[in-house]
Amino acid sequence: MAEQLWTSSITGYRRTGTRLSELRSLLGAGITARAILEPLQSCPADVSAIEMANLLKQKDFDVAGVQSERGGRVIGLVTREALTRGTVRDHLTPISAEHLVSEATPLPGLLATLRDRPHAFVLVGAEVRGIVTRADLNKPPVRVYLFGLVSLLEMHLVFWIAADYPGDSWQSELNARRLDAARGLQAERHRRNQDSGLLGCLQFCDKRDLVLARDEVRRRMQLGEKSAAHALLARAEDLRNSLAHGQRDLDDGTSWNDVIELVEWMEIVVHASDELIAESAAKTVPRGDDDLWASV
């Protein structure tokens, strides 16, 4: 059950795959630049800038690599909008370390890089051979990780509601319409033979409001000031909705900077909650019978 974050109240055992560290290890570290890069399209330095601008427009490319000669090493980059006269070489920008990531760069590092710039060039071996743009963050591997992260965040909201509203006292905090909607969803799940508590049937916005109504819960989860936390959790819900609809870009109605900053904030919150829950379990769960059990 999400209310317990898959943790036994008797043994304190937390099921594998329910911690942020495990999500990061499985997906965050496993999804690298190699998984979402596109081959870098490059052009010789001495061709006409206007002709190359037209070609890039036809291919819908905003940026291209520049080769010392056709088929040669990439020595810089050009943007399509800069190619207005002369040759490509006249508009070349050298590629510096800040433009580069390794093909093995994991997703968290890639997000940090793309927070500060719209694209990064990818080193495959010792050569610049790929490019990753913010638009590539819409690809399925990234969406899978982000959906897992939002799901963990929602699980932690449910955990703290269950912990801080004893005896289902949270029900008195919701209006009848919201409570009836949750009961209707619970009944539908029961008809499908799905075991679901009423708390787990609340909408994300209901869970958000219940958590923010308790200052102590907000402090524990490191959600920050109440109005800012409300806005960020609302954006987290929007992100989840975008992830659930595969045809909707993740920056729809917002900016990539905001999306990446939201992801980093969610990771901080879930990590803080994970740590607190682990500390609490270590203090409260009896360990006397540990020697009777063994894992294989």
C-alpha atoms as a PDB file:
ATOM      1  CA  MET A   1       0.000   0.000   0.000  1.00  0.00           C
ATOM      2  CA  ALA A   2       1.231   3.491  -0.802  1.00  0.00           C
ATOM      3  CA  GLU A   3       0.252   4.638   2.720  1.00  0.00           C
ATOM      4  CA  GLN A   4       3.171   2.595   4.094  1.00  0.00           C
ATOM      5  CA  LEU A   5       5.532   3.167   1.154  1.00  0.00           C
ATOM      6  CA  TRP A   6       5.664  -0.630   0.927  1.00  0.00           C
ATOM      7  CA  THR A   7       7.256  -0.765   4.389  1.00  0.00           C
ATOM      8  CA  SER A   8       6.271  -3.381   6.951  1.00  0.00           C
ATOM      9  CA  SER A   9       5.150  -1.852  10.246  1.00  0.00           C
ATOM     10  CA  ILE A  10       6.403  -5.011  11.987  1.00  0.00           C
ATOM     11  CA  THR A  11       9.852  -5.572  10.480  1.00  0.00           C
ATOM     12  CA  GLY A  12      10.539  -2.166   8.957  1.00  0.00           C
ATOM     13  CA  TYR A  13      11.472  -3.849   5.686  1.00  0.00           C
ATOM     14  CA  ARG A  14      11.162  -1.500   2.716  1.00  0.00           C
ATOM     15  CA  ARG A  15      10.441  -3.176  -0.604  1.00  0.00           C
ATOM     16  CA  THR A  16      13.032  -2.939  -3.336  1.00  0.00           C
ATOM     17  CA  GLY A  17      12.384  -0.308  -5.984  1.00  0.00           C
ATOM     18  CA  THR A  18      10.548   2.171  -3.755  1.00  0.00           C
ATOM     19  CA  ARG A  19      13.408   4.513  -2.888  1.00  0.00           C
ATOM     20  CA  LEU A  20      14.672   7.470  -4.888  1.00  0.00           C
ATOM     21  CA  SER A  21      18.209   6.049  -4.768  1.00  0.00           C
ATOM     22  CA  GLU A  22      16.965   2.876  -6.470  1.00  0.00           C
ATOM     23  CA  LEU A  23      15.075   4.816  -9.125  1.00  0.00           C
ATOM     24  CA  ARG A  24      18.189   6.861  -9.821  1.00  0.00           C
ATOM     25  CA  SER A  25      20.363   3.757  -9.968  1.00  0.00           C
ATOM     26  CA  LEU A  26      18.037   1.888 -12.285  1.00  0.00           C
ATOM     27  CA  LEU A  27      16.926   4.695 -14.589  1.00  0.00           C
ATOM     28  CA  GLY A  28      18.665   7.959 -13.746  1.00  0.00           C
ATOM     29  CA  ALA A  29      22.125   6.445 -14.115  1.00  0.00           C
ATOM     30  CA  GLY A  30      21.029   3.968 -16.766  1.00  0.00           C
ATOM     31  CA  ILE A  31      19.617   6.629 -19.082  1.00  0.00           C
ATOM     32  CA  THR A  32      22.667   8.345 -20.538  1.00  0.00           C
ATOM     33  CA  ALA A  33      23.269  10.862 -23.298  1.00  0.00           C
ATOM     34  CA  ARG A  34      23.799   7.893 -25.614  1.00  0.00           C
ATOM     35  CA  ALA A  35      20.138   6.888 -25.157  1.00  0.00           C
ATOM     36  CA  ILE A  36      18.679  10.137 -26.505  1.00  0.00           C
ATOM     37  CA  LEU A  37      21.363  11.800 -28.651  1.00  0.00           C
ATOM     38  CA  GLU A  38      20.939  12.497 -32.358  1.00  0.00           C
ATOM     39  CA  PRO A  39      23.834  12.264 -34.844  1.00  0.00           C
ATOM     40  CA  LEU A  40      25.411  15.693 -35.265  1.00  0.00           C
ATOM     41  CA  GLN A  41      24.853  17.087 -38.738  1.00  0.00           C
ATOM     42  CA  SER A  42      27.998  18.944 -39.817  1.00  0.00           C
ATOM     43  CA  CYS A  43      29.066  21.084 -42.766  1.00  0.00           C
ATOM     44  CA  PRO A  44      32.429  22.145 -44.241  1.00  0.00           C
ATOM     45  CA  ALA A  45      33.742  25.478 -43.003  1.00  0.00           C
ATOM     46  CA  ASP A  46      34.269  27.043 -46.436  1.00  0.00           C
ATOM     47  CA  VAL A  47      30.819  26.608 -48.022  1.00  0.00           C
ATOM     48  CA  SER A  48      28.370  29.468 -48.545  1.00  0.00           C
ATOM     49  CA  ALA A  49      26.700  30.580 -45.316  1.00  0.00           C
ATOM     50  CA  ILE A  50      23.415  31.412 -47.063  1.00  0.00           C
ATOM     51  CA  GLU A  51      23.267  28.083 -48.879  1.00  0.00           C
ATOM     52  CA  MET A  52      23.931  26.252 -45.634  1.00  0.00           C
ATOM     53  CA  ALA A  53      21.284  28.323 -43.836  1.00  0.00           C
ATOM     54  CA  ASN A  54      18.742  27.271 -46.461  1.00  0.00           C
ATOM     55  CA  LEU A  55      19.765  23.632 -46.117  1.00  0.00           C
ATOM     56  CA  LEU A  56      19.481  23.756 -42.326  1.00  0.00           C
ATOM     57  CA  LYS A  57      16.050  25.345 -42.663  1.00  0.00           C
ATOM     58  CA  GLN A  58      14.927  22.549 -44.979  1.00  0.00           C
ATOM     59  CA  LYS A  59      16.085  19.988 -42.436  1.00  0.00           C
ATOM     60  CA  ASP A  60      14.604  22.018 -39.529  1.00  0.00           C
ATOM     61  CA  PHE A  61      17.981  22.246 -37.778  1.00  0.00           C
ATOM     62  CA  ASP A  62      18.834  25.262 -35.634  1.00  0.00           C
ATOM     63  CA  VAL A  63      22.479  24.356 -35.094  1.00  0.00           C
ATOM     64  CA  ALA A  64      25.139  22.333 -36.920  1.00  0.00           C
ATOM     65  CA  GLY A  65      28.697  21.259 -36.407  1.00  0.00           C
ATOM     66  CA  VAL A  66      31.463  22.699 -38.581  1.00  0.00           C
ATOM     67  CA  GLN A  67      34.191  20.529 -40.080  1.00  0.00           C
ATOM     68  CA  SER A  68      37.638  21.717 -41.069  1.00  0.00           C
ATOM     69  CA  GLU A  69      36.929  19.992 -44.387  1.00  0.00           C
ATOM     70  CA  ARG A  70      34.217  17.707 -45.701  1.00  0.00           C
ATOM     71  CA  GLY A  71      34.273  14.547 -43.603  1.00  0.00           C
ATOM     72  CA  GLY A  72      36.912  16.028 -41.303  1.00  0.00           C
ATOM     73  CA  ARG A  73      37.014  16.686 -37.581  1.00  0.00           C
ATOM     74  CA  VAL A  74      34.348  18.916 -36.002  1.00  0.00           C
ATOM     75  CA  ILE A  75      36.042  22.184 -35.041  1.00  0.00           C
ATOM     76  CA  GLY A  76      33.091  24.305 -33.968  1.00  0.00           C
ATOM     77  CA  LEU A  77      29.409  25.056 -34.333  1.00  0.00           C
ATOM     78  CA  VAL A  78      27.151  27.504 -36.149  1.00  0.00           C
ATOM     79  CA  THR A  79      23.547  28.548 -35.618  1.00  0.00           C
ATOM     80  CA  ARG A  80      21.232  28.842 -38.583  1.00  0.00           C
ATOM     81  CA  GLU A  81      20.199  32.391 -37.742  1.00  0.00           C
ATOM     82  CA  ALA A  82      23.827  33.576 -37.870  1.00  0.00           C
ATOM     83  CA  LEU A  83      24.419  32.345 -41.444  1.00  0.00           C
ATOM     84  CA  THR A  84      23.565  35.550 -43.307  1.00  0.00           C
ATOM     85  CA  ARG A  85      26.687  36.250 -45.394  1.00  0.00           C
ATOM     86  CA  GLY A  86      30.133  34.990 -46.387  1.00  0.00           C
ATOM     87  CA  THR A  87      31.139  31.450 -45.565  1.00  0.00           C
ATOM     88  CA  VAL A  88      30.259  29.187 -42.677  1.00  0.00           C
ATOM     89  CA  ARG A  89      33.746  29.777 -41.231  1.00  0.00           C
ATOM     90  CA  ASP A  90      32.902  33.459 -40.746  1.00  0.00           C
ATOM     91  CA  HIS A  91      30.257  32.506 -38.176  1.00  0.00           C
ATOM     92  CA  LEU A  92      31.989  29.604 -36.471  1.00  0.00           C
ATOM     93  CA  THR A  93      31.908  29.370 -32.675  1.00  0.00           C
ATOM     94  CA  PRO A  94      34.588  27.123 -31.175  1.00  0.00           C
ATOM     95  CA  ILE A  95      33.312  24.224 -29.102  1.00  0.00           C
ATOM     96  CA  SER A  96      34.453  24.633 -25.507  1.00  0.00           C
ATOM     97  CA  ALA A  97      34.204  22.232 -22.578  1.00  0.00           C
ATOM     98  CA  GLU A  98      30.951  23.810 -21.407  1.00  0.00           C
ATOM     99  CA  HIS A  99      29.287  22.711 -24.667  1.00  0.00           C
ATOM    100  CA  LEU A 100      30.356  19.064 -24.260  1.00  0.00           C
ATOM    101  CA  VAL A 101      29.057  15.994 -22.471  1.00  0.00           C
ATOM    102  CA  SER A 102      30.226  12.413 -22.702  1.00  0.00           C
ATOM    103  CA  GLU A 103      27.969   9.803 -24.262  1.00  0.00           C
ATOM    104  CA  ALA A 104      28.051   8.134 -20.812  1.00  0.00           C
ATOM    105  CA  THR A 105      26.724  11.224 -18.978  1.00  0.00           C
ATOM    106  CA  PRO A 106      23.759  10.050 -16.851  1.00  0.00           C
ATOM    107  CA  LEU A 107      20.398  11.767 -16.976  1.00  0.00           C
ATOM    108  CA  PRO A 108      20.793  13.947 -13.825  1.00  0.00           C
ATOM    109  CA  GLY A 109      24.020  15.434 -15.215  1.00  0.00           C
ATOM    110  CA  LEU A 110      22.401  15.907 -18.593  1.00  0.00           C
ATOM    111  CA  LEU A 111      19.467  17.761 -17.036  1.00  0.00           C
ATOM    112  CA  ALA A 112      21.862  20.052 -15.173  1.00  0.00           C
ATOM    113  CA  THR A 113      23.678  20.845 -18.432  1.00  0.00           C
ATOM    114  CA  LEU A 114      20.475  21.514 -20.390  1.00  0.00           C
ATOM    115  CA  ARG A 115      19.144  23.724 -17.619  1.00  0.00           C
ATOM    116  CA  ASP A 116      21.775  26.298 -18.579  1.00  0.00           C
ATOM    117  CA  ARG A 117      21.805  25.916 -22.383  1.00  0.00           C
ATOM    118  CA  PRO A 118      19.461  24.677 -25.120  1.00  0.00           C
ATOM    119  CA  HIS A 119      21.762  21.939 -26.404  1.00  0.00           C
ATOM    120  CA  ALA A 120      24.948  20.024 -25.703  1.00  0.00           C
ATOM    121  CA  PHE A 121      27.360  18.261 -28.035  1.00  0.00           C
ATOM    122  CA  VAL A 122      28.141  14.633 -27.255  1.00  0.00           C
ATOM    123  CA  LEU A 123      31.584  13.080 -27.299  1.00  0.00           C
ATOM    124  CA  VAL A 124      31.549   9.547 -28.666  1.00  0.00           C
ATOM    125  CA  GLY A 125      35.012   8.349 -27.866  1.00  0.00           C
ATOM    126  CA  ALA A 126      37.311  11.304 -28.545  1.00  0.00           C
ATOM    127  CA  GLU A 127      35.179  12.838 -31.314  1.00  0.00           C
ATOM    128  CA  VAL A 128      32.138  15.116 -31.262  1.00  0.00           C
ATOM    129  CA  ARG A 129      29.529  12.994 -33.010  1.00  0.00           C
ATOM    130  CA  GLY A 130      26.180  13.721 -31.371  1.00  0.00           C
ATOM    131  CA  ILE A 131      23.919  16.454 -30.098  1.00  0.00           C
ATOM    132  CA  VAL A 132      21.293  16.488 -27.344  1.00  0.00           C
ATOM    133  CA  THR A 133      18.714  19.276 -27.189  1.00  0.00           C
ATOM    134  CA  ARG A 134      16.016  20.090 -24.675  1.00  0.00           C
ATOM    135  CA  ALA A 135      13.461  18.695 -27.115  1.00  0.00           C
ATOM    136  CA  ASP A 136      15.140  15.285 -26.715  1.00  0.00           C
ATOM    137  CA  LEU A 137      13.943  15.278 -23.097  1.00  0.00           C
ATOM    138  CA  ASN A 138      10.503  14.449 -24.491  1.00  0.00           C
ATOM    139  CA  LYS A 139      11.768  11.015 -25.553  1.00  0.00           C
ATOM    140  CA  PRO A 140      10.408   7.884 -23.827  1.00  0.00           C
ATOM    141  CA  PRO A 141      13.501   7.016 -21.713  1.00  0.00           C
ATOM    142  CA  VAL A 142      13.413  10.413 -19.977  1.00  0.00           C
ATOM    143  CA  ARG A 143       9.635  10.334 -19.606  1.00  0.00           C
ATOM    144  CA  VAL A 144       9.836   6.930 -17.893  1.00  0.00           C
ATOM    145  CA  TYR A 145      12.250   8.289 -15.266  1.00  0.00           C
ATOM    146  CA  LEU A 146      10.191  11.435 -14.678  1.00  0.00           C
ATOM    147  CA  PHE A 147       6.965   9.466 -14.316  1.00  0.00           C
ATOM    148  CA  GLY A 148       8.666   7.260 -11.730  1.00  0.00           C
ATOM    149  CA  LEU A 149       9.844  10.354  -9.872  1.00  0.00           C
ATOM    150  CA  VAL A 150       6.395  11.983  -9.807  1.00  0.00           C
ATOM    151  CA  SER A 151       4.893   8.660  -8.665  1.00  0.00           C
ATOM    152  CA  LEU A 152       7.369   8.502  -5.775  1.00  0.00           C
ATOM    153  CA  LEU A 153       6.541  12.082  -4.811  1.00  0.00           C
ATOM    154  CA  GLU A 154       2.831  11.243  -4.712  1.00  0.00           C
ATOM    155  CA  MET A 155       3.530   8.143  -2.614  1.00  0.00           C
ATOM    156  CA  HIS A 156       5.379  10.282  -0.080  1.00  0.00           C
ATOM    157  CA  LEU A 157       2.476  12.742   0.103  1.00  0.00           C
ATOM    158  CA  VAL A 158       0.163   9.818   0.887  1.00  0.00           C
ATOM    159  CA  PHE A 159       2.580   8.445   3.499  1.00  0.00           C
ATOM    160  CA  TRP A 160       2.701  11.683   5.453  1.00  0.00           C
ATOM    161  CA  ILE A 161      -1.053  12.221   5.268  1.00  0.00           C
ATOM    162  CA  ALA A 162      -1.588   8.752   6.744  1.00  0.00           C
ATOM    163  CA  ALA A 163       1.008   9.474   9.435  1.00  0.00           C
ATOM    164  CA  ASP A 164      -0.256  12.918  10.449  1.00  0.00           C
ATOM    165  CA  TYR A 165      -4.008  12.447  10.165  1.00  0.00           C
ATOM    166  CA  PRO A 166      -4.630   9.541  12.589  1.00  0.00           C
ATOM    167  CA  GLY A 167      -7.805   7.541  12.257  1.00  0.00           C
ATOM    168  CA  ASP A 168      -8.500   8.874   8.760  1.00  0.00           C
ATOM    169  CA  SER A 169      -9.169  12.304  10.253  1.00  0.00           C
ATOM    170  CA  TRP A 170      -8.124  13.784   6.906  1.00  0.00           C
ATOM    171  CA  GLN A 171     -11.647  13.036   5.688  1.00  0.00           C
ATOM    172  CA  SER A 172     -13.041  15.950   7.694  1.00  0.00           C
ATOM    173  CA  GLU A 173     -10.670  18.301   5.839  1.00  0.00           C
ATOM    174  CA  LEU A 174     -12.207  17.567   2.428  1.00  0.00           C
ATOM    175  CA  ASN A 175     -15.519  18.816   1.132  1.00  0.00           C
ATOM    176  CA  ALA A 176     -18.234  16.246   0.411  1.00  0.00           C
ATOM    177  CA  ARG A 177     -17.777  16.462  -3.360  1.00  0.00           C
ATOM    178  CA  ARG A 178     -14.072  15.578  -3.229  1.00  0.00           C
ATOM    179  CA  LEU A 179     -14.699  12.782  -0.753  1.00  0.00           C
ATOM    180  CA  ASP A 180     -17.515  11.336  -2.858  1.00  0.00           C
ATOM    181  CA  ALA A 181     -15.242  11.346  -5.910  1.00  0.00           C
ATOM    182  CA  ALA A 182     -12.634   9.345  -3.981  1.00  0.00           C
ATOM    183  CA  ARG A 183     -15.246   6.870  -2.768  1.00  0.00           C
ATOM    184  CA  GLY A 184     -16.531   6.444  -6.305  1.00  0.00           C
ATOM    185  CA  LEU A 185     -13.014   5.639  -7.546  1.00  0.00           C
ATOM    186  CA  GLN A 186     -12.473   3.242  -4.662  1.00  0.00           C
ATOM    187  CA  ALA A 187     -15.729   1.415  -5.488  1.00  0.00           C
ATOM    188  CA  GLU A 188     -14.681   1.135  -9.133  1.00  0.00           C
ATOM    189  CA  ARG A 189     -11.329  -0.329  -8.148  1.00  0.00           C
ATOM    190  CA  HIS A 190     -13.003  -2.816  -5.838  1.00  0.00           C
ATOM    191  CA  ARG A 191     -15.229  -3.917  -8.719  1.00  0.00           C
ATOM    192  CA  ARG A 192     -12.013  -4.673 -10.593  1.00  0.00           C
ATOM    193  CA  ASN A 193     -10.723  -6.673  -7.614  1.00  0.00           C
ATOM    194  CA  GLN A 194      -8.091  -4.037  -6.870  1.00  0.00           C
ATOM    195  CA  ASP A 195      -7.216  -3.525  -3.213  1.00  0.00           C
ATOM    196  CA  SER A 196      -7.233   0.234  -2.686  1.00  0.00           C
ATOM    197  CA  GLY A 197      -7.537   2.372   0.419  1.00  0.00           C
ATOM    198  CA  LEU A 198      -9.650   5.499   0.262  1.00  0.00           C
ATOM    199  CA  LEU A 199      -6.629   7.749   0.775  1.00  0.00           C
ATOM    200  CA  GLY A 200      -4.966   6.324  -2.314  1.00  0.00           C
ATOM    201  CA  CYS A 201      -8.061   7.224  -4.337  1.00  0.00           C
ATOM    202  CA  LEU A 202      -7.718  10.962  -3.735  1.00  0.00           C
ATOM    203  CA  GLN A 203      -6.658  13.189  -6.606  1.00  0.00           C
ATOM    204  CA  PHE A 204      -3.162  14.671  -6.568  1.00  0.00           C
ATOM    205  CA  CYS A 205      -4.542  18.128  -5.754  1.00  0.00           C
ATOM    206  CA  ASP A 206      -6.383  16.734  -2.685  1.00  0.00           C
ATOM    207  CA  LYS A 207      -3.185  15.131  -1.396  1.00  0.00           C
ATOM    208  CA  ARG A 208      -1.315  18.372  -2.011  1.00  0.00           C
ATOM    209  CA  ASP A 209      -3.811  20.429  -0.024  1.00  0.00           C
ATOM    210  CA  LEU A 210      -3.878  17.973   2.890  1.00  0.00           C
ATOM    211  CA  VAL A 211      -0.095  18.001   3.170  1.00  0.00           C
ATOM    212  CA  LEU A 212       0.170  21.787   2.934  1.00  0.00           C
ATOM    213  CA  ALA A 213      -2.475  22.199   5.620  1.00  0.00           C
ATOM    214  CA  ARG A 214       0.000  20.772   8.134  1.00  0.00           C
ATOM    215  CA  ASP A 215       3.018  23.015   8.628  1.00  0.00           C
ATOM    216  CA  GLU A 216       4.955  20.249  10.360  1.00  0.00           C
ATOM    217  CA  VAL A 217       4.546  17.888   7.394  1.00  0.00           C
ATOM    218  CA  ARG A 218       5.618  20.630   5.009  1.00  0.00           C
ATOM    219  CA  ARG A 219       8.707  21.236   7.154  1.00  0.00           C
ATOM    220  CA  ARG A 220       9.601  17.533   7.316  1.00  0.00           C
ATOM    221  CA  MET A 221       9.374  17.112   3.566  1.00  0.00           C
ATOM    222  CA  GLN A 222      11.422  20.283   2.994  1.00  0.00           C
ATOM    223  CA  LEU A 223       8.675  21.658   0.773  1.00  0.00           C
ATOM    224  CA  GLY A 224       9.563  25.252   1.594  1.00  0.00           C
ATOM    225  CA  GLU A 225       7.234  28.212   2.082  1.00  0.00           C
ATOM    226  CA  LYS A 226       3.561  27.293   1.726  1.00  0.00           C
ATOM    227  CA  SER A 227       2.601  29.363  -1.326  1.00  0.00           C
ATOM    228  CA  ALA A 228       5.752  28.356  -3.208  1.00  0.00           C
ATOM    229  CA  ALA A 229       5.203  24.686  -2.303  1.00  0.00           C
ATOM    230  CA  HIS A 230       1.605  24.916  -3.532  1.00  0.00           C
ATOM    231  CA  ALA A 231       2.784  26.279  -6.885  1.00  0.00           C
ATOM    232  CA  LEU A 232       5.511  23.627  -7.250  1.00  0.00           C
ATOM    233  CA  LEU A 233       3.187  20.752  -6.386  1.00  0.00           C
ATOM    234  CA  ALA A 234       0.635  22.097  -8.859  1.00  0.00           C
ATOM    235  CA  ARG A 235       3.382  22.079 -11.498  1.00  0.00           C
ATOM    236  CA  ALA A 236       4.290  18.521 -10.485  1.00  0.00           C
ATOM    237  CA  GLU A 237       0.686  17.516 -11.152  1.00  0.00           C
ATOM    238  CA  ASP A 238       0.801  19.255 -14.539  1.00  0.00           C
ATOM    239  CA  LEU A 239       4.019  17.405 -15.354  1.00  0.00           C
ATOM    240  CA  ARG A 240       2.419  14.089 -14.417  1.00  0.00           C
ATOM    241  CA  ASN A 241      -0.527  14.857 -16.706  1.00  0.00           C
ATOM    242  CA  SER A 242       1.848  15.706 -19.549  1.00  0.00           C
ATOM    243  CA  LEU A 243       3.737  12.457 -18.983  1.00  0.00           C
ATOM    244  CA  ALA A 244       0.489  10.502 -19.054  1.00  0.00           C
ATOM    245  CA  HIS A 245      -0.367  11.940 -22.472  1.00  0.00           C
ATOM    246  CA  GLY A 246       2.399  10.845 -24.805  1.00  0.00           C
ATOM    247  CA  GLN A 247       1.580  13.446 -27.465  1.00  0.00           C
ATOM    248  CA  ARG A 248       1.996  16.389 -25.091  1.00  0.00           C
ATOM    249  CA  ASP A 249       5.437  18.001 -24.829  1.00  0.00           C
ATOM    250  CA  LEU A 250       6.740  18.371 -21.292  1.00  0.00           C
ATOM    251  CA  ASP A 251       7.365  22.092 -21.736  1.00  0.00           C
ATOM    252  CA  ASP A 252       3.828  22.730 -22.985  1.00  0.00           C
ATOM    253  CA  GLY A 253       2.647  25.874 -21.207  1.00  0.00           C
ATOM    254  CA  THR A 254       5.938  26.344 -19.384  1.00  0.00           C
ATOM    255  CA  SER A 255       9.685  26.498 -20.116  1.00  0.00           C
ATOM    256  CA  TRP A 256      12.399  23.869 -20.075  1.00  0.00           C
ATOM    257  CA  ASN A 257      14.207  25.805 -17.352  1.00  0.00           C
ATOM    258  CA  ASP A 258      11.104  25.518 -15.157  1.00  0.00           C
ATOM    259  CA  VAL A 259      10.678  21.807 -15.960  1.00  0.00           C
ATOM    260  CA  ILE A 260      14.290  20.981 -15.081  1.00  0.00           C
ATOM    261  CA  GLU A 261      14.204  23.056 -11.884  1.00  0.00           C
ATOM    262  CA  LEU A 262      10.962  21.296 -10.903  1.00  0.00           C
ATOM    263  CA  VAL A 263      12.592  17.886 -11.426  1.00  0.00           C
ATOM    264  CA  GLU A 264      15.531  18.874  -9.233  1.00  0.00           C
ATOM    265  CA  TRP A 265      13.134  20.149  -6.532  1.00  0.00           C
ATOM    266  CA  MET A 266      11.127  16.908  -6.580  1.00  0.00           C
ATOM    267  CA  GLU A 267      14.334  14.883  -6.161  1.00  0.00           C
ATOM    268  CA  ILE A 268      15.315  16.987  -3.128  1.00  0.00           C
ATOM    269  CA  VAL A 269      11.878  16.544  -1.531  1.00  0.00           C
ATOM    270  CA  VAL A 270      11.667  12.787  -2.117  1.00  0.00           C
ATOM    271  CA  HIS A 271      15.249  12.273  -0.916  1.00  0.00           C
ATOM    272  CA  ALA A 272      14.571  14.246   2.283  1.00  0.00           C
ATOM    273  CA  SER A 273      11.411  12.254   2.942  1.00  0.00           C
ATOM    274  CA  ASP A 274      13.194   8.957   2.243  1.00  0.00           C
ATOM    275  CA  GLU A 275      15.910   9.821   4.744  1.00  0.00           C
ATOM    276  CA  LEU A 276      13.438  10.810   7.445  1.00  0.00           C
ATOM    277  CA  ILE A 277      11.345   7.664   6.996  1.00  0.00           C
ATOM    278  CA  ALA A 278      14.454   5.470   7.144  1.00  0.00           C
ATOM    279  CA  GLU A 279      15.630   7.168  10.348  1.00  0.00           C
ATOM    280  CA  SER A 280      12.213   6.775  11.940  1.00  0.00           C
ATOM    281  CA  ALA A 281      11.976   3.088  11.007  1.00  0.00           C
ATOM    282  CA  ALA A 282      15.424   2.393  12.461  1.00  0.00           C
ATOM    283  CA  LYS A 283      14.338   3.874  15.815  1.00  0.00           C
ATOM    284  CA  THR A 284      10.888   2.298  16.135  1.00  0.00           C
ATOM    285  CA  VAL A 285      11.039  -1.193  14.614  1.00  0.00           C
ATOM    286  CA  PRO A 286      12.073  -4.010  16.989  1.00  0.00           C
ATOM    287  CA  ARG A 287      15.187  -5.859  15.822  1.00  0.00           C
ATOM    288  CA  GLY A 288      15.369  -8.670  18.386  1.00  0.00           C
ATOM    289  CA  ASP A 289      14.438 -11.503  16.037  1.00  0.00           C
ATOM    290  CA  ASP A 290      16.781 -10.508  13.182  1.00  0.00           C
ATOM    291  CA  ASP A 291      18.957 -13.559  13.753  1.00  0.00           C
ATOM    292  CA  LEU A 292      16.043 -15.860  12.927  1.00  0.00           C
ATOM    293  CA  TRP A 293      15.813 -14.594   9.371  1.00  0.00           C
ATOM    294  CA  ALA A 294      18.107 -14.802   6.408  1.00  0.00           C
ATOM    295  CA  SER A 295      17.859 -13.442   2.871  1.00  0.00           C
ATOM    296  CA  VAL A 296      19.102 -15.414  -0.075  1.00  0.00           C
END
